[in-house]
């Protein structure tokens, strides 16, 4: 997979994938998109102190790093599982500018990337991570989850990852009361999420997107 680094509107980096003609994040702002969609409307929406998270698309590791930062600041314990088939190599992730080298969270960001795949790694008293180097289509999720960060590439470039079948698979891995958040609010995606059994709500999206989706497993 050929990737080139790009700077988004808020100054933070993303990678552009040549084959897909698509970037890992919104060009309106990578970091602010992740903070809005996954941290503000997902993690902070939950009141739990022990949270099991599934992420579909580890990508640049930004969501994981921001979640780690939230865990350290709040003392909430997070067990984080993330699926990724094409991880970045060190020459790529070392270019990313999400944290200055003097920032105490920079080291954690690098450690998150350096964690061995398919192993549970405890990075602190509040955060552990299992990175699954697998295809989302065939991956067997190793747990039940309170929160899902659905962050696959868009339905335009990877429609097979936004089907009713995929959302049913995710639904089955969620406990009652669990929440799914995603940046995509397209009508077909919303209908596929609803068909999986989740209750869907459209809420304001990050800069550049009018809406996003938050969905709840009611039972």
N, C-alpha and C. Protein backbone atom coordinates (compact mmCIF):
# COMPACT_ATOMS: atom_id res chain seq x y z
N UNK A 1 0.85 -1.19 0.00
CA UNK A 1 0.00 0.00 0.00
C UNK A 1 0.89 1.24 0.00
N UNK A 2 0.79 2.06 -1.05
CA UNK A 2 1.61 3.25 -1.17
C UNK A 2 0.95 4.43 -0.47
N UNK A 3 1.69 5.07 0.46
CA UNK A 3 1.15 6.16 1.26
C UNK A 3 2.07 7.37 1.21
N UNK A 4 1.46 8.54 1.18
CA UNK A 4 2.24 9.78 1.24
C UNK A 4 1.65 10.67 2.33
N UNK A 5 2.54 11.35 3.07
CA UNK A 5 2.08 12.15 4.19
C UNK A 5 1.51 13.48 3.70
N UNK A 6 0.44 13.93 4.37
CA UNK A 6 -0.22 15.19 4.04
C UNK A 6 -0.48 15.97 5.32
N UNK A 7 -0.52 17.29 5.19
CA UNK A 7 -0.87 18.14 6.32
C UNK A 7 -2.30 18.60 6.16
N UNK A 8 -3.12 18.38 7.20
CA UNK A 8 -4.53 18.76 7.14
C UNK A 8 -4.73 20.18 7.66
N UNK A 9 -5.97 20.67 7.59
CA UNK A 9 -6.25 22.09 7.85
C UNK A 9 -5.92 22.53 9.27
N UNK A 10 -5.94 21.61 10.25
CA UNK A 10 -5.59 22.02 11.61
C UNK A 10 -4.10 21.87 11.90
N UNK A 11 -3.32 21.54 10.87
CA UNK A 11 -1.87 21.42 11.02
C UNK A 11 -1.39 20.01 11.32
N UNK A 12 -2.32 19.09 11.62
CA UNK A 12 -1.93 17.72 11.95
C UNK A 12 -1.84 16.87 10.69
N UNK A 13 -1.03 15.83 10.75
CA UNK A 13 -0.75 15.00 9.59
C UNK A 13 -1.79 13.90 9.36
N UNK A 14 -1.82 13.44 8.14
CA UNK A 14 -2.51 12.20 7.79
C UNK A 14 -1.71 11.55 6.67
N UNK A 15 -2.11 10.36 6.25
CA UNK A 15 -1.52 9.73 5.08
C UNK A 15 -2.56 9.59 3.99
N UNK A 16 -2.13 9.83 2.77
CA UNK A 16 -2.98 9.63 1.59
C UNK A 16 -2.60 8.31 0.94
N UNK A 17 -3.60 7.48 0.64
CA UNK A 17 -3.38 6.17 0.04
C UNK A 17 -3.64 6.26 -1.46
N UNK A 18 -2.62 6.03 -2.23
CA UNK A 18 -2.71 6.22 -3.67
C UNK A 18 -3.75 5.31 -4.31
N UNK A 19 -3.73 4.02 -3.94
CA UNK A 19 -4.65 3.05 -4.57
C UNK A 19 -6.12 3.39 -4.31
N UNK A 20 -6.40 3.93 -3.14
CA UNK A 20 -7.78 4.24 -2.78
C UNK A 20 -8.18 5.66 -3.15
N UNK A 21 -7.19 6.50 -3.40
CA UNK A 21 -7.49 7.90 -3.65
C UNK A 21 -8.12 8.55 -2.44
N UNK A 22 -7.65 8.17 -1.26
CA UNK A 22 -8.30 8.60 -0.01
C UNK A 22 -7.28 8.75 1.10
N UNK A 23 -7.59 9.62 2.05
CA UNK A 23 -6.72 9.84 3.20
C UNK A 23 -7.28 9.15 4.45
N UNK A 24 -6.40 8.91 5.42
CA UNK A 24 -6.81 8.26 6.66
C UNK A 24 -7.76 9.13 7.47
N UNK A 25 -7.64 10.45 7.33
CA UNK A 25 -8.45 11.37 8.11
C UNK A 25 -9.03 12.45 7.20
N UNK A 26 -9.92 13.24 7.78
CA UNK A 26 -10.46 14.38 7.07
C UNK A 26 -9.37 15.41 6.81
N UNK A 27 -9.33 15.95 5.61
CA UNK A 27 -8.36 17.00 5.29
C UNK A 27 -8.75 18.32 5.96
N UNK A 28 -9.94 18.39 6.55
CA UNK A 28 -10.33 19.57 7.32
C UNK A 28 -9.65 19.60 8.69
N UNK A 29 -8.98 18.50 9.05
CA UNK A 29 -8.28 18.46 10.33
C UNK A 29 -8.29 17.07 10.92
N UNK A 30 -7.15 16.38 10.87
CA UNK A 30 -7.08 15.00 11.35
C UNK A 30 -7.32 14.90 12.85
N UNK A 31 -6.57 15.69 13.61
CA UNK A 31 -6.65 15.57 15.06
C UNK A 31 -8.00 16.04 15.58
N UNK A 32 -8.52 17.15 15.03
CA UNK A 32 -9.81 17.63 15.53
C UNK A 32 -10.95 16.70 15.14
N UNK A 33 -10.82 16.00 14.01
CA UNK A 33 -11.84 15.01 13.64
C UNK A 33 -11.86 13.85 14.65
N UNK A 34 -10.69 13.31 14.97
CA UNK A 34 -10.61 12.20 15.92
C UNK A 34 -11.12 12.60 17.29
N UNK A 35 -10.74 13.80 17.74
CA UNK A 35 -11.21 14.27 19.04
C UNK A 35 -12.72 14.41 19.07
N UNK A 36 -13.29 14.97 18.02
CA UNK A 36 -14.73 15.19 17.99
C UNK A 36 -15.50 13.88 17.91
N UNK A 37 -15.18 13.05 16.92
CA UNK A 37 -15.97 11.85 16.64
C UNK A 37 -15.80 10.79 17.71
N UNK A 38 -14.56 10.48 18.04
CA UNK A 38 -14.30 9.31 18.88
C UNK A 38 -14.14 9.63 20.37
N UNK A 39 -13.50 10.73 20.69
CA UNK A 39 -13.30 11.07 22.10
C UNK A 39 -14.52 11.81 22.66
N UNK A 40 -14.88 12.94 22.06
CA UNK A 40 -15.97 13.74 22.61
C UNK A 40 -17.33 13.04 22.51
N UNK A 41 -17.65 12.48 21.33
CA UNK A 41 -18.98 11.90 21.12
C UNK A 41 -19.03 10.41 21.41
N UNK A 42 -17.89 9.80 21.66
CA UNK A 42 -17.85 8.39 21.98
C UNK A 42 -17.42 8.15 23.42
N UNK A 43 -16.13 8.29 23.68
CA UNK A 43 -15.57 7.97 24.99
C UNK A 43 -16.17 8.84 26.10
N UNK A 44 -16.27 10.14 25.87
CA UNK A 44 -16.80 11.03 26.91
C UNK A 44 -18.32 10.93 27.05
N UNK A 45 -18.97 10.31 26.08
CA UNK A 45 -20.42 10.08 26.16
C UNK A 45 -20.74 9.01 27.19
N UNK A 46 -19.80 8.08 27.41
CA UNK A 46 -20.00 7.00 28.37
C UNK A 46 -19.59 7.44 29.77
N UNK A 47 -20.30 6.93 30.76
CA UNK A 47 -19.98 7.27 32.15
C UNK A 47 -19.24 6.14 32.86
N UNK A 48 -18.90 5.09 32.15
CA UNK A 48 -18.23 3.92 32.75
C UNK A 48 -16.80 4.27 33.16
N UNK A 49 -16.34 3.60 34.20
CA UNK A 49 -14.95 3.77 34.63
C UNK A 49 -14.03 2.68 34.10
N UNK A 50 -14.61 1.58 33.65
CA UNK A 50 -13.86 0.50 33.00
C UNK A 50 -14.49 0.27 31.63
N UNK A 51 -13.71 0.52 30.59
CA UNK A 51 -14.28 0.55 29.24
C UNK A 51 -13.49 -0.36 28.31
N UNK A 52 -14.21 -1.19 27.58
CA UNK A 52 -13.61 -2.05 26.56
C UNK A 52 -13.96 -1.47 25.19
N UNK A 53 -12.93 -1.13 24.43
CA UNK A 53 -13.12 -0.43 23.14
C UNK A 53 -12.64 -1.31 21.99
N UNK A 54 -13.43 -1.34 20.93
CA UNK A 54 -13.04 -1.95 19.66
C UNK A 54 -12.89 -0.85 18.63
N UNK A 55 -11.76 -0.82 17.94
CA UNK A 55 -11.53 0.13 16.85
C UNK A 55 -11.36 -0.64 15.55
N UNK A 56 -12.14 -0.26 14.54
CA UNK A 56 -11.99 -0.89 13.23
C UNK A 56 -11.15 0.02 12.35
N UNK A 57 -9.84 -0.17 12.41
CA UNK A 57 -8.92 0.63 11.62
C UNK A 57 -7.92 1.38 12.49
N UNK A 58 -6.83 0.72 12.88
CA UNK A 58 -5.82 1.35 13.73
C UNK A 58 -5.17 2.54 13.02
N UNK A 59 -4.91 2.39 11.72
CA UNK A 59 -4.42 3.50 10.91
C UNK A 59 -3.15 4.14 11.43
N UNK A 60 -3.20 5.43 11.71
CA UNK A 60 -2.03 6.17 12.19
C UNK A 60 -1.83 6.04 13.70
N UNK A 61 -2.76 5.38 14.39
CA UNK A 61 -2.66 5.26 15.84
C UNK A 61 -3.17 6.47 16.59
N UNK A 62 -3.73 7.44 15.87
CA UNK A 62 -4.18 8.68 16.51
C UNK A 62 -5.31 8.42 17.50
N UNK A 63 -6.31 7.66 17.12
CA UNK A 63 -7.43 7.39 18.03
C UNK A 63 -6.95 6.68 19.30
N UNK A 64 -6.07 5.72 19.11
CA UNK A 64 -5.53 4.99 20.27
C UNK A 64 -4.75 5.92 21.18
N UNK A 65 -3.93 6.79 20.61
CA UNK A 65 -3.12 7.71 21.42
C UNK A 65 -3.99 8.71 22.18
N UNK A 66 -5.01 9.24 21.53
CA UNK A 66 -5.91 10.18 22.20
C UNK A 66 -6.70 9.48 23.31
N UNK A 67 -7.03 8.22 23.09
CA UNK A 67 -7.75 7.45 24.11
C UNK A 67 -6.83 7.16 25.30
N UNK A 68 -5.59 6.82 25.01
CA UNK A 68 -4.59 6.64 26.07
C UNK A 68 -4.47 7.92 26.90
N UNK A 69 -4.38 9.04 26.23
CA UNK A 69 -4.24 10.32 26.91
C UNK A 69 -5.44 10.58 27.82
N UNK A 70 -6.63 10.27 27.32
CA UNK A 70 -7.85 10.46 28.12
C UNK A 70 -7.84 9.54 29.34
N UNK A 71 -7.39 8.30 29.16
CA UNK A 71 -7.32 7.37 30.29
C UNK A 71 -6.36 7.86 31.36
N UNK A 72 -5.21 8.35 30.94
CA UNK A 72 -4.21 8.84 31.90
C UNK A 72 -4.70 10.07 32.65
N UNK A 73 -5.43 10.93 31.97
CA UNK A 73 -5.89 12.17 32.59
C UNK A 73 -7.07 11.96 33.52
N UNK A 74 -7.92 10.96 33.22
CA UNK A 74 -9.15 10.77 33.99
C UNK A 74 -9.08 9.60 34.98
N UNK A 75 -8.12 8.68 34.78
CA UNK A 75 -8.05 7.50 35.63
C UNK A 75 -9.04 6.42 35.25
N UNK A 76 -9.73 6.58 34.13
CA UNK A 76 -10.64 5.54 33.65
C UNK A 76 -9.81 4.42 33.02
N UNK A 77 -10.14 3.18 33.33
CA UNK A 77 -9.37 2.05 32.82
C UNK A 77 -9.93 1.61 31.47
N UNK A 78 -9.05 1.50 30.49
CA UNK A 78 -9.47 1.19 29.13
C UNK A 78 -8.69 -0.01 28.59
N UNK A 79 -9.43 -0.97 28.07
CA UNK A 79 -8.86 -2.12 27.36
C UNK A 79 -9.21 -1.94 25.89
N UNK A 80 -8.20 -1.72 25.06
CA UNK A 80 -8.38 -1.23 23.69
C UNK A 80 -7.98 -2.31 22.69
N UNK A 81 -8.90 -2.70 21.83
CA UNK A 81 -8.61 -3.65 20.75
C UNK A 81 -8.75 -2.93 19.42
N UNK A 82 -7.78 -3.11 18.53
CA UNK A 82 -7.80 -2.41 17.25
C UNK A 82 -7.40 -3.35 16.12
N UNK A 83 -8.17 -3.30 15.03
CA UNK A 83 -7.95 -4.17 13.88
C UNK A 83 -7.28 -3.38 12.77
N UNK A 84 -6.25 -3.95 12.18
CA UNK A 84 -5.54 -3.27 11.08
C UNK A 84 -4.81 -4.32 10.23
N UNK A 85 -5.03 -4.29 8.94
CA UNK A 85 -4.36 -5.23 8.04
C UNK A 85 -3.05 -4.68 7.47
N UNK A 86 -2.97 -3.36 7.32
CA UNK A 86 -1.80 -2.75 6.70
C UNK A 86 -1.20 -1.68 7.61
N UNK A 87 -0.46 -2.10 8.65
CA UNK A 87 0.07 -1.11 9.59
C UNK A 87 1.17 -0.25 8.98
N UNK A 88 1.34 0.95 9.55
CA UNK A 88 2.44 1.82 9.15
C UNK A 88 3.76 1.21 9.59
N UNK A 89 4.81 1.53 8.87
CA UNK A 89 6.14 1.13 9.30
C UNK A 89 6.80 2.29 10.04
N UNK A 90 7.89 2.04 10.78
CA UNK A 90 8.49 3.12 11.58
C UNK A 90 8.85 4.37 10.78
N UNK A 91 9.31 4.21 9.56
CA UNK A 91 9.67 5.39 8.76
C UNK A 91 8.45 6.27 8.47
N UNK A 92 7.25 5.67 8.55
CA UNK A 92 6.02 6.44 8.35
C UNK A 92 5.53 7.06 9.65
N UNK A 93 5.33 6.25 10.70
CA UNK A 93 4.72 6.82 11.90
C UNK A 93 5.64 7.79 12.63
N UNK A 94 6.95 7.69 12.42
CA UNK A 94 7.86 8.64 13.05
C UNK A 94 7.77 10.03 12.43
N UNK A 95 7.12 10.14 11.27
CA UNK A 95 6.93 11.45 10.64
C UNK A 95 5.73 12.22 11.23
N UNK A 96 4.83 11.51 11.89
CA UNK A 96 3.56 12.11 12.31
C UNK A 96 3.78 13.13 13.43
N UNK A 97 3.02 14.21 13.37
CA UNK A 97 3.26 15.35 14.27
C UNK A 97 2.17 15.55 15.32
N UNK A 98 1.49 14.49 15.73
CA UNK A 98 0.38 14.65 16.67
C UNK A 98 0.85 15.13 18.04
N UNK A 99 2.08 14.78 18.40
CA UNK A 99 2.63 15.19 19.69
C UNK A 99 4.06 15.69 19.46
N UNK A 100 4.39 16.81 20.08
CA UNK A 100 5.78 17.28 20.04
C UNK A 100 6.66 16.30 20.82
N UNK A 101 7.92 16.21 20.46
CA UNK A 101 8.82 15.26 21.12
C UNK A 101 8.98 15.56 22.61
N UNK A 102 8.74 16.83 23.01
CA UNK A 102 8.83 17.19 24.43
C UNK A 102 7.55 16.84 25.18
N UNK A 103 6.49 16.56 24.45
CA UNK A 103 5.20 16.23 25.06
C UNK A 103 5.30 14.87 25.75
N UNK A 104 4.84 14.75 27.01
CA UNK A 104 4.92 13.46 27.70
C UNK A 104 4.17 12.34 27.00
N UNK A 105 3.21 12.69 26.13
CA UNK A 105 2.46 11.65 25.44
C UNK A 105 3.10 11.22 24.13
N UNK A 106 4.17 11.88 23.73
CA UNK A 106 4.86 11.46 22.50
C UNK A 106 5.43 10.05 22.65
N UNK A 107 6.07 9.80 23.78
CA UNK A 107 6.65 8.47 24.02
C UNK A 107 5.57 7.40 24.00
N UNK A 108 4.41 7.70 24.58
CA UNK A 108 3.31 6.73 24.58
C UNK A 108 2.83 6.45 23.16
N UNK A 109 2.77 7.49 22.32
CA UNK A 109 2.36 7.31 20.94
C UNK A 109 3.30 6.35 20.21
N UNK A 110 4.60 6.52 20.43
CA UNK A 110 5.58 5.62 19.80
C UNK A 110 5.46 4.21 20.36
N UNK A 111 5.27 4.09 21.66
CA UNK A 111 5.13 2.76 22.28
C UNK A 111 3.90 2.05 21.76
N UNK A 112 2.82 2.77 21.53
CA UNK A 112 1.61 2.17 20.97
C UNK A 112 1.92 1.55 19.61
N UNK A 113 2.68 2.26 18.80
CA UNK A 113 3.05 1.72 17.49
C UNK A 113 4.02 0.54 17.61
N UNK A 114 4.88 0.58 18.59
CA UNK A 114 5.90 -0.46 18.73
C UNK A 114 5.37 -1.74 19.36
N UNK A 115 4.18 -1.69 19.96
CA UNK A 115 3.61 -2.90 20.58
C UNK A 115 3.53 -4.04 19.58
N UNK A 116 3.84 -5.23 20.03
CA UNK A 116 3.74 -6.40 19.15
C UNK A 116 2.29 -6.65 18.79
N UNK A 117 2.09 -7.12 17.57
CA UNK A 117 0.75 -7.40 17.10
C UNK A 117 0.22 -8.70 17.69
N UNK A 118 -1.10 -8.74 17.88
CA UNK A 118 -1.81 -9.92 18.36
C UNK A 118 -1.39 -10.33 19.78
N UNK A 119 -0.92 -9.33 20.55
CA UNK A 119 -0.58 -9.53 21.96
C UNK A 119 -1.23 -8.43 22.79
N UNK A 120 -1.71 -8.78 23.97
CA UNK A 120 -2.22 -7.76 24.88
C UNK A 120 -1.05 -7.13 25.62
N UNK A 121 -0.93 -5.81 25.52
CA UNK A 121 0.19 -5.08 26.12
C UNK A 121 -0.35 -4.04 27.09
N UNK A 122 0.12 -4.08 28.34
CA UNK A 122 -0.26 -3.08 29.34
C UNK A 122 0.72 -1.91 29.27
N UNK A 123 0.23 -0.77 28.85
CA UNK A 123 1.09 0.40 28.73
C UNK A 123 1.09 1.26 29.99
N UNK A 124 0.07 1.12 30.82
CA UNK A 124 0.01 1.88 32.08
C UNK A 124 -1.01 1.20 32.98
N UNK A 125 -1.19 1.77 34.15
CA UNK A 125 -2.21 1.24 35.07
C UNK A 125 -3.61 1.42 34.51
N UNK A 126 -3.75 2.30 33.53
CA UNK A 126 -5.09 2.65 33.03
C UNK A 126 -5.36 2.23 31.59
N UNK A 127 -4.34 1.77 30.88
CA UNK A 127 -4.53 1.50 29.45
C UNK A 127 -3.77 0.26 29.01
N UNK A 128 -4.51 -0.66 28.38
CA UNK A 128 -3.89 -1.81 27.72
C UNK A 128 -4.41 -1.89 26.29
N UNK A 129 -3.60 -2.45 25.41
CA UNK A 129 -3.96 -2.49 24.00
C UNK A 129 -3.62 -3.84 23.37
N UNK A 130 -4.51 -4.30 22.51
CA UNK A 130 -4.26 -5.46 21.66
C UNK A 130 -4.48 -5.02 20.23
N UNK A 131 -3.42 -5.02 19.44
CA UNK A 131 -3.51 -4.68 18.02
C UNK A 131 -3.63 -5.98 17.23
N UNK A 132 -4.69 -6.10 16.48
CA UNK A 132 -4.98 -7.32 15.73
C UNK A 132 -4.64 -7.10 14.27
N UNK A 133 -3.61 -7.77 13.80
CA UNK A 133 -3.24 -7.61 12.38
C UNK A 133 -4.06 -8.61 11.56
N UNK A 134 -5.28 -8.17 11.27
CA UNK A 134 -6.23 -9.03 10.59
C UNK A 134 -7.13 -8.19 9.68
N UNK A 135 -7.82 -8.89 8.81
CA UNK A 135 -8.82 -8.27 7.94
C UNK A 135 -10.13 -8.17 8.70
N UNK A 136 -10.75 -7.01 8.69
CA UNK A 136 -12.02 -6.83 9.40
C UNK A 136 -13.08 -7.82 8.93
N UNK A 137 -13.02 -8.22 7.66
CA UNK A 137 -14.02 -9.13 7.11
C UNK A 137 -13.97 -10.50 7.76
N UNK A 138 -12.78 -10.94 8.14
CA UNK A 138 -12.62 -12.29 8.69
C UNK A 138 -12.21 -12.32 10.16
N UNK A 139 -11.95 -11.16 10.73
CA UNK A 139 -11.47 -11.09 12.11
C UNK A 139 -12.50 -11.62 13.10
N UNK A 140 -12.04 -12.42 14.05
CA UNK A 140 -12.87 -12.87 15.17
C UNK A 140 -12.53 -11.99 16.36
N UNK A 141 -13.45 -11.13 16.74
CA UNK A 141 -13.17 -10.20 17.84
C UNK A 141 -12.98 -10.97 19.14
N UNK A 142 -11.92 -10.69 19.89
CA UNK A 142 -11.61 -11.48 21.08
C UNK A 142 -12.28 -11.01 22.37
N UNK A 143 -13.33 -10.21 22.25
CA UNK A 143 -13.98 -9.73 23.46
C UNK A 143 -15.37 -9.20 23.19
N UNK A 144 -15.98 -8.65 24.25
CA UNK A 144 -17.25 -7.93 24.15
C UNK A 144 -16.97 -6.49 24.54
N UNK A 145 -17.65 -5.55 23.89
CA UNK A 145 -17.21 -4.16 23.96
C UNK A 145 -18.31 -3.21 24.43
N UNK A 146 -17.84 -2.15 25.11
CA UNK A 146 -18.72 -1.07 25.56
C UNK A 146 -18.79 0.06 24.54
N UNK A 147 -17.77 0.14 23.68
CA UNK A 147 -17.65 1.26 22.75
C UNK A 147 -16.94 0.79 21.49
N UNK A 148 -17.47 1.19 20.34
CA UNK A 148 -16.85 0.86 19.06
C UNK A 148 -16.50 2.15 18.33
N UNK A 149 -15.23 2.29 17.96
CA UNK A 149 -14.80 3.34 17.05
C UNK A 149 -14.83 2.73 15.64
N UNK A 150 -15.86 3.04 14.87
CA UNK A 150 -15.91 2.48 13.51
C UNK A 150 -15.24 3.48 12.58
N UNK A 151 -13.99 3.15 12.19
CA UNK A 151 -13.14 4.12 11.49
C UNK A 151 -12.49 3.51 10.26
N UNK A 152 -13.25 2.73 9.51
CA UNK A 152 -12.75 2.18 8.25
C UNK A 152 -12.68 3.27 7.20
N UNK A 153 -11.95 3.00 6.11
CA UNK A 153 -11.99 3.91 4.98
C UNK A 153 -13.42 4.04 4.47
N UNK A 154 -13.69 5.09 3.73
CA UNK A 154 -15.07 5.44 3.39
C UNK A 154 -15.77 4.37 2.55
N UNK A 155 -17.10 4.38 2.56
CA UNK A 155 -17.87 3.44 1.74
C UNK A 155 -17.59 3.59 0.25
N UNK A 156 -17.14 4.75 -0.16
CA UNK A 156 -16.80 4.94 -1.57
C UNK A 156 -15.62 4.06 -1.99
N UNK A 157 -14.61 3.97 -1.12
CA UNK A 157 -13.40 3.23 -1.49
C UNK A 157 -13.42 1.79 -0.98
N UNK A 158 -14.11 1.52 0.11
CA UNK A 158 -14.18 0.15 0.65
C UNK A 158 -15.62 -0.18 1.06
N UNK A 159 -16.53 -0.30 0.11
CA UNK A 159 -17.94 -0.56 0.45
C UNK A 159 -18.16 -1.86 1.20
N UNK A 160 -17.25 -2.82 1.03
CA UNK A 160 -17.41 -4.13 1.69
C UNK A 160 -17.28 -4.03 3.21
N UNK A 161 -16.75 -2.92 3.71
CA UNK A 161 -16.58 -2.76 5.16
C UNK A 161 -17.73 -2.02 5.82
N UNK A 162 -18.76 -1.66 5.04
CA UNK A 162 -19.88 -0.88 5.56
C UNK A 162 -21.21 -1.59 5.31
N UNK A 163 -21.18 -2.89 5.21
CA UNK A 163 -22.39 -3.66 4.89
C UNK A 163 -23.18 -4.00 6.14
N UNK A 164 -24.42 -4.43 5.93
CA UNK A 164 -25.25 -4.90 7.04
C UNK A 164 -24.57 -6.05 7.77
N UNK A 165 -23.90 -6.94 7.01
CA UNK A 165 -23.25 -8.10 7.61
C UNK A 165 -22.12 -7.69 8.56
N UNK A 166 -21.33 -6.68 8.15
CA UNK A 166 -20.26 -6.20 9.02
C UNK A 166 -20.83 -5.59 10.29
N UNK A 167 -21.88 -4.80 10.15
CA UNK A 167 -22.46 -4.17 11.34
C UNK A 167 -23.13 -5.19 12.25
N UNK A 168 -23.67 -6.25 11.69
CA UNK A 168 -24.22 -7.32 12.53
C UNK A 168 -23.11 -8.01 13.31
N UNK A 169 -21.98 -8.20 12.66
CA UNK A 169 -20.82 -8.79 13.32
C UNK A 169 -20.36 -7.92 14.49
N UNK A 170 -20.30 -6.62 14.25
CA UNK A 170 -19.92 -5.68 15.32
C UNK A 170 -20.99 -5.66 16.40
N UNK A 171 -22.26 -5.62 16.00
CA UNK A 171 -23.38 -5.64 16.95
C UNK A 171 -23.26 -6.83 17.90
N UNK A 172 -22.91 -7.99 17.38
CA UNK A 172 -22.81 -9.20 18.20
C UNK A 172 -21.66 -9.13 19.19
N UNK A 173 -20.70 -8.25 18.93
CA UNK A 173 -19.56 -8.09 19.84
C UNK A 173 -19.78 -6.99 20.87
N UNK A 174 -20.93 -6.32 20.81
CA UNK A 174 -21.24 -5.23 21.73
C UNK A 174 -22.15 -5.73 22.85
N UNK A 175 -21.94 -5.23 24.06
CA UNK A 175 -22.82 -5.57 25.16
C UNK A 175 -24.05 -4.66 25.12
N UNK A 176 -25.15 -5.02 25.76
CA UNK A 176 -26.30 -4.11 25.82
C UNK A 176 -25.90 -2.77 26.45
N UNK A 177 -26.32 -1.70 25.80
CA UNK A 177 -25.95 -0.37 26.25
C UNK A 177 -24.69 0.17 25.60
N UNK A 178 -24.01 -0.67 24.83
CA UNK A 178 -22.77 -0.23 24.17
C UNK A 178 -23.07 0.77 23.07
N UNK A 179 -22.04 1.56 22.74
CA UNK A 179 -22.17 2.66 21.79
C UNK A 179 -21.21 2.46 20.62
N UNK A 180 -21.67 2.80 19.42
CA UNK A 180 -20.83 2.83 18.22
C UNK A 180 -20.82 4.26 17.69
N UNK A 181 -19.65 4.77 17.37
CA UNK A 181 -19.56 6.09 16.74
C UNK A 181 -18.76 5.96 15.45
N UNK A 182 -19.18 6.73 14.44
CA UNK A 182 -18.47 6.78 13.17
C UNK A 182 -18.65 8.15 12.52
N UNK A 183 -17.65 8.52 11.75
CA UNK A 183 -17.68 9.82 11.06
C UNK A 183 -18.67 9.84 9.91
N UNK A 184 -19.05 8.66 9.40
CA UNK A 184 -19.87 8.58 8.20
C UNK A 184 -21.36 8.58 8.54
N UNK A 185 -22.13 9.43 7.84
CA UNK A 185 -23.57 9.51 8.10
C UNK A 185 -24.39 9.30 6.83
N UNK A 186 -23.80 8.65 5.83
CA UNK A 186 -24.52 8.41 4.58
C UNK A 186 -25.77 7.56 4.83
N UNK A 187 -26.81 7.79 4.02
CA UNK A 187 -28.07 7.11 4.23
C UNK A 187 -27.96 5.60 4.21
N UNK A 188 -27.21 5.06 3.26
CA UNK A 188 -27.07 3.60 3.18
C UNK A 188 -26.37 3.04 4.40
N UNK A 189 -25.36 3.75 4.88
CA UNK A 189 -24.64 3.32 6.09
C UNK A 189 -25.58 3.35 7.29
N UNK A 190 -26.34 4.43 7.42
CA UNK A 190 -27.29 4.53 8.53
C UNK A 190 -28.28 3.36 8.49
N UNK A 191 -28.80 3.05 7.31
CA UNK A 191 -29.77 1.96 7.19
C UNK A 191 -29.13 0.61 7.52
N UNK A 192 -27.91 0.39 7.10
CA UNK A 192 -27.23 -0.87 7.42
C UNK A 192 -26.98 -1.01 8.91
N UNK A 193 -26.64 0.10 9.57
CA UNK A 193 -26.45 0.05 11.03
C UNK A 193 -27.77 -0.25 11.71
N UNK A 194 -28.83 0.37 11.27
CA UNK A 194 -30.15 0.12 11.86
C UNK A 194 -30.58 -1.33 11.66
N UNK A 195 -30.33 -1.89 10.47
CA UNK A 195 -30.69 -3.28 10.19
C UNK A 195 -29.93 -4.25 11.08
N UNK A 196 -28.76 -3.84 11.54
CA UNK A 196 -27.98 -4.72 12.42
C UNK A 196 -28.58 -4.81 13.82
N UNK A 197 -29.51 -3.90 14.15
CA UNK A 197 -30.16 -3.93 15.45
C UNK A 197 -29.80 -2.78 16.36
N UNK A 198 -28.97 -1.85 15.89
CA UNK A 198 -28.58 -0.71 16.70
C UNK A 198 -29.55 0.45 16.50
N UNK A 199 -29.74 1.24 17.55
CA UNK A 199 -30.56 2.44 17.49
C UNK A 199 -29.67 3.61 17.08
N UNK A 200 -29.99 4.25 15.94
CA UNK A 200 -29.10 5.24 15.33
C UNK A 200 -29.58 6.66 15.60
N UNK A 201 -28.60 7.51 15.91
CA UNK A 201 -28.86 8.94 16.07
C UNK A 201 -27.85 9.71 15.23
N UNK A 202 -28.31 10.67 14.44
CA UNK A 202 -27.41 11.57 13.73
C UNK A 202 -27.14 12.78 14.62
N UNK A 203 -25.86 13.10 14.78
CA UNK A 203 -25.47 14.22 15.62
C UNK A 203 -24.49 15.10 14.82
N UNK A 204 -24.24 16.33 15.25
CA UNK A 204 -23.33 17.21 14.50
C UNK A 204 -21.95 16.59 14.33
N UNK A 205 -21.42 16.72 13.12
CA UNK A 205 -20.12 16.15 12.81
C UNK A 205 -18.98 17.12 13.07
N UNK A 206 -17.76 16.68 12.81
CA UNK A 206 -16.59 17.54 12.97
C UNK A 206 -16.52 18.56 11.84
N UNK A 207 -15.58 19.51 11.89
CA UNK A 207 -15.44 20.47 10.79
C UNK A 207 -15.35 19.77 9.44
N UNK A 208 -16.14 20.26 8.49
CA UNK A 208 -16.17 19.67 7.16
C UNK A 208 -17.24 18.62 6.97
N UNK A 209 -17.88 18.18 8.08
CA UNK A 209 -18.96 17.19 8.00
C UNK A 209 -20.16 17.70 8.79
N UNK A 210 -21.30 17.77 8.13
CA UNK A 210 -22.48 18.29 8.81
C UNK A 210 -22.96 17.34 9.90
N UNK A 211 -22.87 16.03 9.64
CA UNK A 211 -23.39 15.04 10.58
C UNK A 211 -22.43 13.86 10.73
N UNK A 212 -22.60 13.14 11.82
CA UNK A 212 -21.95 11.87 12.08
C UNK A 212 -22.99 10.96 12.72
N UNK A 213 -22.61 9.72 13.00
CA UNK A 213 -23.55 8.77 13.60
C UNK A 213 -23.07 8.30 14.96
N UNK A 214 -24.01 8.27 15.91
CA UNK A 214 -23.82 7.57 17.16
C UNK A 214 -24.96 6.57 17.30
N UNK A 215 -24.64 5.32 17.56
CA UNK A 215 -25.65 4.26 17.63
C UNK A 215 -25.48 3.49 18.93
N UNK A 216 -26.60 3.00 19.47
CA UNK A 216 -26.60 2.32 20.76
C UNK A 216 -27.24 0.95 20.62
N UNK A 217 -26.64 -0.04 21.26
CA UNK A 217 -27.26 -1.36 21.34
C UNK A 217 -28.19 -1.37 22.55
N UNK A 218 -29.48 -1.39 22.30
CA UNK A 218 -30.44 -1.25 23.39
C UNK A 218 -30.60 -2.52 24.21
N UNK A 219 -30.47 -3.68 23.57
CA UNK A 219 -30.62 -4.95 24.31
C UNK A 219 -29.86 -6.05 23.61
